[in-house]
């Protein structure tokens, strides 16, 4: 065969990146082939290679192999192996139609129905049809009158924020959550892939020791955690916490220049709690209120997606707290919660406030619908 011009050889072989028995680049192999074509002496090629690149030259056998391969094929790329035969288009279409009819079908069920190996079904879904297994998301059911209330709240708060650009930065979000020593189990995120049912069991201790935790968030810091002594948070214990722990800190840091938010939980709606808020912070609190209460706004029911504690803080803390091994007792659990809360930075809170502003806008645009999926 006719050897092409040297520049063409370099141009073709420099693109080859496949490694042989020794680590060489495409340019180095092109150099060896070109030099051997000129001198017909592998030893001379080895000397020039060492002089040019300063490393051990390929063996004579490798140089011969490269040159013969280039003479025969015009390339140094290895031939592709035959490998596993591709799945037939008939089976691909069968799998497609099976999951179009029933998108919630499991891989194992489809395997039994189609008489195909589970791995083949999985490979067709992921590689050929580029499908992904999506988990269902459980949200609070909204009643018919909930959406107008959510829409009205978002619209009103956004209008107030336009009139007062510092309004959102003055918000103090608050909430309670329960932490168990046994940790948390989210069965909707548990996925075990295999060719057979794995029969995996996750042990969960029922009625394990727990602690009720309260936290409040400003745009700059986390207030808490506060641990309730009582097994159940009541209106009286919640009021004691406000009077003796939270409100004094807020006044010391913010000089009453804040708007306190709470949701519609029963302890928050206690008569004594609302009377205290009406007296200590009139027209500066948001929550479930009566007709005569002096609140700034009424918090819409079933709206955890609108408060920073629910859409950010509790999930963030639990991801850090419940890292195996799980806490052995309540003392260790409380220590972990305190350490996790201390990791929340001002930059994180700034982004949380940006997220809240975005959620207000989305909720308003969707006329009060769920926004988690958006």
Protein backbone atom coordinates (compact mmCIF):
# COMPACT_ATOMS: atom_id res chain seq x y z
CA UNK A 1 0.00 0.00 0.00
CA UNK A 2 0.99 3.60 -0.58
CA UNK A 3 2.01 5.45 2.60
CA UNK A 4 0.43 8.94 2.66
CA UNK A 5 2.34 12.14 3.20
CA UNK A 6 3.99 12.52 6.63
CA UNK A 7 1.70 15.40 7.63
CA UNK A 8 -1.34 13.27 6.90
CA UNK A 9 0.13 10.48 9.04
CA UNK A 10 0.55 12.84 11.96
CA UNK A 11 -2.93 14.28 11.50
CA UNK A 12 -4.57 10.84 11.54
CA UNK A 13 -2.54 9.21 14.29
CA UNK A 14 -2.49 12.15 16.67
CA UNK A 15 -6.22 11.60 17.21
CA UNK A 16 -5.70 8.06 18.45
CA UNK A 17 -6.01 7.94 22.25
CA UNK A 18 -6.29 4.21 22.78
CA UNK A 19 -3.57 2.86 25.12
CA UNK A 20 -1.67 -0.29 24.32
CA UNK A 21 0.52 -2.32 26.68
CA UNK A 22 2.52 0.80 27.53
CA UNK A 23 1.24 4.32 28.09
CA UNK A 24 1.84 6.25 24.87
CA UNK A 25 0.09 9.15 23.23
CA UNK A 26 -1.23 9.29 19.69
CA UNK A 27 1.57 11.70 18.71
CA UNK A 28 4.24 9.28 20.04
CA UNK A 29 2.84 6.37 18.08
CA UNK A 30 2.62 8.53 14.97
CA UNK A 31 6.29 9.43 15.44
CA UNK A 32 7.28 5.74 15.64
CA UNK A 33 5.32 4.79 12.52
CA UNK A 34 6.74 7.70 10.51
CA UNK A 35 10.33 7.02 11.59
CA UNK A 36 10.05 3.32 10.83
CA UNK A 37 8.65 4.09 7.38
CA UNK A 38 11.73 6.23 6.74
CA UNK A 39 14.50 4.05 8.22
CA UNK A 40 12.97 0.56 8.24
CA UNK A 41 14.95 -0.03 11.46
CA UNK A 42 13.11 -0.49 14.77
CA UNK A 43 16.31 0.05 16.77
CA UNK A 44 16.89 3.41 15.10
CA UNK A 45 13.27 4.31 15.94
CA UNK A 46 13.87 3.43 19.60
CA UNK A 47 16.98 5.66 19.80
CA UNK A 48 15.18 8.64 18.25
CA UNK A 49 12.16 8.07 20.48
CA UNK A 50 14.29 8.16 23.65
CA UNK A 51 16.08 11.29 22.45
CA UNK A 52 12.85 13.10 21.61
CA UNK A 53 10.63 12.10 24.54
CA UNK A 54 13.17 11.24 27.25
CA UNK A 55 11.52 8.01 28.32
CA UNK A 56 11.70 4.29 27.58
CA UNK A 57 10.91 3.48 23.98
CA UNK A 58 8.32 0.90 22.89
CA UNK A 59 9.61 -2.58 22.13
CA UNK A 60 10.57 -3.58 18.60
CA UNK A 61 7.58 -5.91 18.46
CA UNK A 62 5.17 -3.08 19.31
CA UNK A 63 6.71 -0.82 16.67
CA UNK A 64 6.36 -3.56 14.02
CA UNK A 65 2.75 -4.11 15.11
CA UNK A 66 1.87 -0.43 14.85
CA UNK A 67 3.43 -0.11 11.40
CA UNK A 68 1.72 -3.25 10.00
CA UNK A 69 -1.60 -2.21 11.43
CA UNK A 70 -1.33 1.24 9.88
CA UNK A 71 -0.37 -0.29 6.50
CA UNK A 72 -3.40 -2.57 6.65
CA UNK A 73 -6.11 -0.39 8.14
CA UNK A 74 -4.78 3.17 7.98
CA UNK A 75 -5.45 3.49 11.72
CA UNK A 76 -4.07 2.39 15.07
CA UNK A 77 -7.48 2.09 16.73
CA UNK A 78 -8.22 -1.46 17.91
CA UNK A 79 -11.11 -3.29 16.35
CA UNK A 80 -14.31 -3.15 18.34
CA UNK A 81 -15.28 -6.31 20.12
CA UNK A 82 -18.54 -7.93 19.26
CA UNK A 83 -19.71 -7.97 22.90
CA UNK A 84 -23.24 -8.67 24.06
CA UNK A 85 -25.80 -8.57 21.23
CA UNK A 86 -28.12 -5.58 21.41
CA UNK A 87 -31.65 -6.05 22.67
CA UNK A 88 -34.05 -6.52 19.80
CA UNK A 89 -36.28 -3.62 18.83
CA UNK A 90 -39.28 -5.91 19.36
CA UNK A 91 -38.49 -6.27 23.08
CA UNK A 92 -37.80 -2.55 23.39
CA UNK A 93 -41.24 -1.80 21.98
CA UNK A 94 -42.86 -4.42 24.26
CA UNK A 95 -41.32 -2.78 27.33
CA UNK A 96 -42.34 0.68 26.09
CA UNK A 97 -45.98 -0.33 25.63
CA UNK A 98 -46.06 -2.14 28.99
CA UNK A 99 -45.01 0.97 30.90
CA UNK A 100 -47.19 3.30 28.84
CA UNK A 101 -50.19 1.23 29.93
CA UNK A 102 -49.05 1.05 33.55
CA UNK A 103 -46.32 3.57 34.46
CA UNK A 104 -46.38 2.54 38.16
CA UNK A 105 -45.48 -1.05 37.33
CA UNK A 106 -42.36 -2.44 38.99
CA UNK A 107 -39.44 -3.86 37.03
CA UNK A 108 -40.00 -7.32 38.54
CA UNK A 109 -43.66 -7.37 37.59
CA UNK A 110 -42.82 -6.31 34.03
CA UNK A 111 -40.17 -9.03 33.94
CA UNK A 112 -42.73 -11.69 34.82
CA UNK A 113 -45.33 -10.40 32.37
CA UNK A 114 -42.95 -10.00 29.43
CA UNK A 115 -40.89 -13.13 30.16
CA UNK A 116 -37.69 -11.07 30.09
CA UNK A 117 -34.88 -10.93 32.65
CA UNK A 118 -35.26 -8.12 35.18
CA UNK A 119 -31.88 -6.68 34.22
CA UNK A 120 -32.90 -6.60 30.57
CA UNK A 121 -36.07 -4.69 31.44
CA UNK A 122 -34.09 -2.32 33.64
CA UNK A 123 -31.48 -1.76 30.90
CA UNK A 124 -34.16 -1.06 28.30
CA UNK A 125 -35.89 1.43 30.60
CA UNK A 126 -32.75 3.31 31.60
CA UNK A 127 -30.53 3.00 28.49
CA UNK A 128 -32.85 2.64 25.51
CA UNK A 129 -35.98 4.50 26.65
CA UNK A 130 -34.10 6.86 29.03
CA UNK A 131 -36.79 6.56 31.69
CA UNK A 132 -36.22 7.20 35.39
CA UNK A 133 -38.04 5.91 38.49
CA UNK A 134 -39.72 8.88 40.13
CA UNK A 135 -41.00 8.71 43.70
CA UNK A 136 -44.39 10.01 44.76
CA UNK A 137 -44.52 13.09 46.94
CA UNK A 138 -46.98 13.22 49.84
CA UNK A 139 -48.38 16.68 50.58
CA UNK A 140 -51.03 18.14 52.85
CA UNK A 141 -54.45 17.86 51.25
CA UNK A 142 -55.80 21.32 50.56
CA UNK A 143 -59.48 21.96 51.12
CA UNK A 144 -61.51 23.98 48.67
CA UNK A 145 -61.26 27.16 50.74
CA UNK A 146 -57.51 26.71 51.45
CA UNK A 147 -56.30 27.82 48.04
CA UNK A 148 -58.02 31.25 48.14
CA UNK A 149 -56.57 31.84 51.62
CA UNK A 150 -53.07 30.92 50.47
CA UNK A 151 -53.41 33.11 47.40
CA UNK A 152 -54.71 36.02 49.45
CA UNK A 153 -51.89 35.66 51.99
CA UNK A 154 -49.16 35.63 49.32
CA UNK A 155 -50.65 38.52 47.39
CA UNK A 156 -51.11 40.62 50.51
CA UNK A 157 -47.61 39.92 51.83
CA UNK A 158 -46.03 40.72 48.48
CA UNK A 159 -47.96 43.98 48.29
CA UNK A 160 -46.81 44.90 51.79
CA UNK A 161 -43.23 44.00 50.84
CA UNK A 162 -43.42 46.40 47.88
CA UNK A 163 -44.50 49.20 50.22
CA UNK A 164 -41.85 48.31 52.81
CA UNK A 165 -38.69 46.81 51.30
CA UNK A 166 -37.47 45.70 54.76
CA UNK A 167 -40.63 43.79 55.61
CA UNK A 168 -39.48 40.29 54.66
CA UNK A 169 -36.11 40.75 56.37
CA UNK A 170 -37.95 41.47 59.64
CA UNK A 171 -39.79 38.14 59.62
CA UNK A 172 -39.09 35.63 62.40
CA UNK A 173 -40.22 32.10 61.44
CA UNK A 174 -40.92 29.64 64.25
CA UNK A 175 -42.06 26.05 64.63
CA UNK A 176 -41.79 22.87 66.72
CA UNK A 177 -40.70 19.41 65.66
CA UNK A 178 -40.31 16.02 67.32
CA UNK A 179 -37.02 14.13 67.21
CA UNK A 180 -36.86 10.43 68.10
CA UNK A 181 -33.71 8.58 69.11
CA UNK A 182 -34.65 5.88 66.58
CA UNK A 183 -34.20 8.40 63.79
CA UNK A 184 -36.45 8.84 60.80
CA UNK A 185 -37.57 6.45 58.09
CA UNK A 186 -38.81 7.75 54.79
CA UNK A 187 -40.18 4.65 53.09
CA UNK A 188 -40.91 6.62 49.91
CA UNK A 189 -37.17 7.06 49.33
CA UNK A 190 -36.26 3.41 50.05
CA UNK A 191 -35.34 1.69 46.78
CA UNK A 192 -33.59 -1.67 46.40
CA UNK A 193 -32.83 -2.74 42.81
CA UNK A 194 -32.09 -6.34 41.93
CA UNK A 195 -33.12 -9.31 39.85
CA UNK A 196 -35.19 -10.76 42.71
CA UNK A 197 -37.17 -9.31 45.57
CA UNK A 198 -34.55 -8.65 48.25
CA UNK A 199 -36.88 -8.97 51.26
CA UNK A 200 -35.07 -6.12 52.98
CA UNK A 201 -36.35 -5.25 56.46
CA UNK A 202 -35.74 -1.89 58.11
CA UNK A 203 -36.14 -2.05 61.89
CA UNK A 204 -37.88 0.86 63.55
CA UNK A 205 -38.32 1.20 67.28
CA UNK A 206 -41.88 2.12 68.13
CA UNK A 207 -42.45 4.73 70.86
CA UNK A 208 -38.73 5.40 71.14
CA UNK A 209 -37.59 8.25 73.42
CA UNK A 210 -38.33 11.60 71.86
CA UNK A 211 -37.87 15.29 72.47
CA UNK A 212 -39.98 18.22 71.30
CA UNK A 213 -37.82 20.98 69.84
CA UNK A 214 -38.62 24.62 69.14
CA UNK A 215 -36.59 26.87 66.86
CA UNK A 216 -37.00 30.33 65.42
CA UNK A 217 -35.25 31.76 62.37
CA UNK A 218 -34.33 35.31 61.60
CA UNK A 219 -32.52 36.33 58.46
CA UNK A 220 -29.25 36.30 60.42
CA UNK A 221 -29.39 33.60 63.09
CA UNK A 222 -31.12 30.55 64.51
CA UNK A 223 -32.78 30.97 67.91
CA UNK A 224 -32.61 27.60 69.58
CA UNK A 225 -32.97 24.79 69.84
CA UNK A 226 -35.29 24.98 72.85
CA UNK A 227 -36.20 21.59 74.35
CA UNK A 228 -39.61 21.23 75.96
CA UNK A 229 -39.62 19.19 79.14
CA UNK A 230 -43.19 18.06 78.56
CA UNK A 231 -43.93 15.08 76.35
CA UNK A 232 -46.63 17.12 74.60
CA UNK A 233 -46.46 20.82 73.86
CA UNK A 234 -49.41 22.63 75.41
CA UNK A 235 -50.56 26.23 75.27
CA UNK A 236 -49.14 26.91 78.74
CA UNK A 237 -45.72 25.40 78.05
CA UNK A 238 -45.57 27.23 74.72
CA UNK A 239 -46.46 30.54 76.42
CA UNK A 240 -43.78 30.01 79.08
CA UNK A 241 -41.21 29.48 76.35
CA UNK A 242 -42.25 32.71 74.61
CA UNK A 243 -42.22 34.78 77.77
CA UNK A 244 -39.05 33.50 79.37
CA UNK A 245 -36.87 32.45 76.45
CA UNK A 246 -37.67 33.64 72.92
CA UNK A 247 -39.15 37.12 73.20
CA UNK A 248 -36.40 38.45 75.52
CA UNK A 249 -33.78 37.36 72.98
CA UNK A 250 -35.67 38.92 70.08
CA UNK A 251 -36.01 42.22 71.91
CA UNK A 252 -32.36 42.24 72.87
CA UNK A 253 -31.23 41.63 69.27
CA UNK A 254 -33.91 43.49 67.29
CA UNK A 255 -35.45 46.10 69.62
CA UNK A 256 -39.03 45.06 68.77
CA UNK A 257 -38.31 45.64 65.09
CA UNK A 258 -39.51 42.18 64.01
CA UNK A 259 -42.63 40.33 62.85
CA UNK A 260 -43.22 37.02 64.60
CA UNK A 261 -44.69 34.13 62.59
CA UNK A 262 -46.30 30.97 63.92
CA UNK A 263 -48.58 28.44 62.26
CA UNK A 264 -52.04 27.34 63.34
CA UNK A 265 -51.08 24.51 65.74
CA UNK A 266 -53.42 24.16 68.76
CA UNK A 267 -50.87 25.45 71.33
CA UNK A 268 -50.44 28.60 69.23
CA UNK A 269 -54.19 29.26 69.23
CA UNK A 270 -54.49 29.08 73.00
CA UNK A 271 -56.33 32.10 74.42
CA UNK A 272 -53.47 33.04 76.75
CA UNK A 273 -50.93 32.83 73.90
CA UNK A 274 -52.98 35.11 71.64
CA UNK A 275 -53.59 37.53 74.50
CA UNK A 276 -49.86 37.70 75.15
CA UNK A 277 -49.07 38.34 71.48
CA UNK A 278 -51.78 41.01 71.24
CA UNK A 279 -50.27 42.79 74.24
CA UNK A 280 -46.55 42.40 73.61
CA UNK A 281 -46.44 42.68 69.82
CA UNK A 282 -49.72 44.10 68.50
CA UNK A 283 -49.99 44.08 64.71
CA UNK A 284 -46.54 42.46 64.55
CA UNK A 285 -47.41 38.77 64.58
CA UNK A 286 -48.70 36.35 61.95
CA UNK A 287 -50.68 33.24 62.84
CA UNK A 288 -54.05 31.69 63.34
CA UNK A 289 -56.14 34.43 64.91
CA UNK A 290 -59.58 35.22 66.18
CA UNK A 291 -61.81 38.08 65.14
CA UNK A 292 -60.58 40.42 67.87
CA UNK A 293 -56.89 39.54 67.68
CA UNK A 294 -54.43 42.23 66.67
CA UNK A 295 -52.35 40.21 64.23
CA UNK A 296 -50.70 41.57 61.12
CA UNK A 297 -51.91 38.73 58.89
CA UNK A 298 -53.66 35.39 59.25
CA UNK A 299 -51.50 32.39 58.49
CA UNK A 300 -53.12 30.15 55.84
CA UNK A 301 -53.91 26.61 57.06
CA UNK A 302 -52.00 23.55 55.81
CA UNK A 303 -49.10 25.59 54.46
CA UNK A 304 -45.83 24.07 55.70
CA UNK A 305 -44.36 24.77 52.27
CA UNK A 306 -44.47 28.47 53.11
CA UNK A 307 -42.50 28.52 56.37
CA UNK A 308 -38.72 28.33 56.45
CA UNK A 309 -38.66 25.93 59.39
CA UNK A 310 -40.59 23.32 57.43
CA UNK A 311 -39.11 23.66 53.95
CA UNK A 312 -35.53 24.10 55.20
CA UNK A 313 -34.60 23.84 58.88
CA UNK A 314 -36.08 20.54 60.08
CA UNK A 315 -34.94 18.56 57.08
CA UNK A 316 -31.46 20.07 57.30
CA UNK A 317 -31.14 19.28 61.02
CA UNK A 318 -32.44 15.73 60.74
CA UNK A 319 -30.05 14.93 57.91
CA UNK A 320 -27.16 15.90 60.20
CA UNK A 321 -28.54 14.43 63.43
CA UNK A 322 -29.55 10.99 62.22
CA UNK A 323 -26.23 9.91 60.76
CA UNK A 324 -25.38 6.31 61.78
CA UNK A 325 -24.80 5.28 64.45
CA UNK A 326 -28.03 6.78 65.75
CA UNK A 327 -28.14 8.56 69.11
CA UNK A 328 -28.14 6.14 72.02
CA UNK A 329 -30.17 8.33 74.40
CA UNK A 330 -31.90 11.70 74.70
CA UNK A 331 -28.77 13.40 75.97
CA UNK A 332 -26.80 12.50 72.88
CA UNK A 333 -29.80 13.36 70.69
CA UNK A 334 -30.02 16.87 72.18
CA UNK A 335 -26.28 17.37 71.76
CA UNK A 336 -26.48 16.44 68.09
CA UNK A 337 -29.40 18.80 67.53
CA UNK A 338 -27.49 21.68 69.12
CA UNK A 339 -24.37 20.97 67.06
CA UNK A 340 -26.39 20.73 63.85
CA UNK A 341 -28.20 24.02 64.51
CA UNK A 342 -24.84 25.72 65.08
CA UNK A 343 -23.79 24.87 61.51
CA UNK A 344 -26.49 27.07 59.95
CA UNK A 345 -24.71 30.13 58.53
CA UNK A 346 -25.94 33.60 57.71
CA UNK A 347 -25.34 32.93 54.02
CA UNK A 348 -27.60 29.87 54.20
CA UNK A 349 -30.33 31.92 55.86
CA UNK A 350 -30.02 34.61 53.21
CA UNK A 351 -30.67 32.01 50.53
CA UNK A 352 -33.60 30.63 52.56
CA UNK A 353 -35.19 34.09 52.53
CA UNK A 354 -34.69 34.27 48.77
CA UNK A 355 -36.39 30.89 48.49
CA UNK A 356 -39.31 32.13 50.62
CA UNK A 357 -39.73 35.17 48.37
CA UNK A 358 -39.72 32.87 45.34
CA UNK A 359 -42.32 30.56 46.95
CA UNK A 360 -44.60 33.50 47.59
CA UNK A 361 -44.48 34.37 43.93
CA UNK A 362 -45.09 30.79 42.76
CA UNK A 363 -48.00 30.31 45.17
CA UNK A 364 -49.58 33.54 43.94
CA UNK A 365 -49.15 32.59 40.27
CA UNK A 366 -50.64 29.12 40.88
CA UNK A 367 -53.61 30.68 42.73
CA UNK A 368 -52.73 28.99 46.02
CA UNK A 369 -51.93 25.47 44.77
CA UNK A 370 -49.14 23.22 46.01
CA UNK A 371 -45.74 24.54 44.99
CA UNK A 372 -43.36 21.77 46.09
CA UNK A 373 -43.49 20.10 42.67
CA UNK A 374 -42.60 23.40 40.98
